[in-house]
Amino acid sequence: MQTAPRLSSLQDRHAALEMRLEAETVRPQPDSLELSRLKREKLKLKEEMERLRAAPAGSA
């Protein structure tokens, strides 16, 4: 799998999660379990993006 398209996809998903987190946060009674789940998923995506950026070209 090529790194650039994968990284772009992860960035899009990360941005979408950020929007969902913001939407949940501004609700009158945010769901703390949903916030935690979204934050964990966002962190996993961030770690994957960092791993791809750190990998030498062609090895990802």
C-alpha atoms as a PDB file:
ATOM      1  CA  MET A   1       0.000   0.000   0.000  1.00  0.00           C
ATOM      2  CA  GLN A   2       1.288   3.435  -0.885  1.00  0.00           C
ATOM      3  CA  THR A   3       1.919   5.724   2.053  1.00  0.00           C
ATOM      4  CA  ALA A   4       0.515   8.998   0.679  1.00  0.00           C
ATOM      5  CA  PRO A   5      -3.034   7.764  -0.058  1.00  0.00           C
ATOM      6  CA  ARG A   6      -3.168   5.908   3.267  1.00  0.00           C
ATOM      7  CA  LEU A   7      -1.950   8.978   5.133  1.00  0.00           C
ATOM      8  CA  SER A   8      -4.510  11.151   3.369  1.00  0.00           C
ATOM      9  CA  SER A   9      -7.283   8.741   4.310  1.00  0.00           C
ATOM     10  CA  LEU A  10      -6.159   8.706   7.937  1.00  0.00           C
ATOM     11  CA  GLN A  11      -6.036  12.496   8.007  1.00  0.00           C
ATOM     12  CA  ASP A  12      -9.591  12.684   6.652  1.00  0.00           C
ATOM     13  CA  ARG A  13     -10.834  10.224   9.278  1.00  0.00           C
ATOM     14  CA  HIS A  14      -8.945  12.099  12.001  1.00  0.00           C
ATOM     15  CA  ALA A  15     -10.589  15.395  10.948  1.00  0.00           C
ATOM     16  CA  ALA A  16     -14.023  13.760  10.884  1.00  0.00           C
ATOM     17  CA  LEU A  17     -13.481  12.428  14.410  1.00  0.00           C
ATOM     18  CA  GLU A  18     -12.447  15.909  15.539  1.00  0.00           C
ATOM     19  CA  MET A  19     -15.738  17.294  14.214  1.00  0.00           C
ATOM     20  CA  ARG A  20     -17.713  14.523  15.948  1.00  0.00           C
ATOM     21  CA  LEU A  21     -15.853  15.208  19.200  1.00  0.00           C
ATOM     22  CA  GLU A  22     -16.652  18.908  18.958  1.00  0.00           C
ATOM     23  CA  ALA A  23     -20.312  18.189  18.205  1.00  0.00           C
ATOM     24  CA  GLU A  24     -20.570  15.844  21.186  1.00  0.00           C
ATOM     25  CA  THR A  25     -18.795  18.295  23.490  1.00  0.00           C
ATOM     26  CA  VAL A  26     -21.216  21.144  22.806  1.00  0.00           C
ATOM     27  CA  ARG A  27     -24.314  19.059  23.476  1.00  0.00           C
ATOM     28  CA  PRO A  28     -26.215  20.000  26.647  1.00  0.00           C
ATOM     29  CA  GLN A  29     -25.320  16.626  28.186  1.00  0.00           C
ATOM     30  CA  PRO A  30     -22.330  15.122  26.375  1.00  0.00           C
ATOM     31  CA  ASP A  31     -22.044  11.348  26.477  1.00  0.00           C
ATOM     32  CA  SER A  32     -18.801  10.734  28.352  1.00  0.00           C
ATOM     33  CA  LEU A  33     -18.519   7.165  27.055  1.00  0.00           C
ATOM     34  CA  GLU A  34     -18.885   8.327  23.464  1.00  0.00           C
ATOM     35  CA  LEU A  35     -16.334  11.097  24.060  1.00  0.00           C
ATOM     36  CA  SER A  36     -13.870   8.560  25.442  1.00  0.00           C
ATOM     37  CA  ARG A  37     -14.438   6.199  22.520  1.00  0.00           C
ATOM     38  CA  LEU A  38     -13.962   8.992  19.979  1.00  0.00           C
ATOM     39  CA  LYS A  39     -10.799  10.205  21.700  1.00  0.00           C
ATOM     40  CA  ARG A  40      -9.311   6.701  21.752  1.00  0.00           C
ATOM     41  CA  GLU A  41     -10.100   6.206  18.071  1.00  0.00           C
ATOM     42  CA  LYS A  42      -8.629   9.606  17.208  1.00  0.00           C
ATOM     43  CA  LEU A  43      -5.447   8.777  19.136  1.00  0.00           C
ATOM     44  CA  LYS A  44      -5.099   5.464  17.288  1.00  0.00           C
ATOM     45  CA  LEU A  45      -5.356   7.294  13.972  1.00  0.00           C
ATOM     46  CA  LYS A  46      -2.793   9.877  15.089  1.00  0.00           C
ATOM     47  CA  GLU A  47      -0.365   7.143  16.110  1.00  0.00           C
ATOM     48  CA  GLU A  48      -0.835   5.389  12.769  1.00  0.00           C
ATOM     49  CA  MET A  49      -0.187   8.660  10.906  1.00  0.00           C
ATOM     50  CA  GLU A  50       2.987   9.243  12.916  1.00  0.00           C
ATOM     51  CA  ARG A  51       4.131   5.689  12.214  1.00  0.00           C
ATOM     52  CA  LEU A  52       3.601   6.180   8.468  1.00  0.00           C
ATOM     53  CA  ARG A  53       5.425   9.514   8.489  1.00  0.00           C
ATOM     54  CA  ALA A  54       8.381   7.960  10.319  1.00  0.00           C
ATOM     55  CA  ALA A  55       8.605   4.916   8.034  1.00  0.00           C
ATOM     56  CA  PRO A  56      11.171   5.062   5.237  1.00  0.00           C
ATOM     57  CA  ALA A  57       9.594   5.423   1.778  1.00  0.00           C
ATOM     58  CA  GLY A  58       8.650   2.066   0.334  1.00  0.00           C
ATOM     59  CA  SER A  59       8.610   0.164   3.625  1.00  0.00           C
ATOM     60  CA  ALA A  60       5.076   1.071   4.730  1.00  0.00           C
END
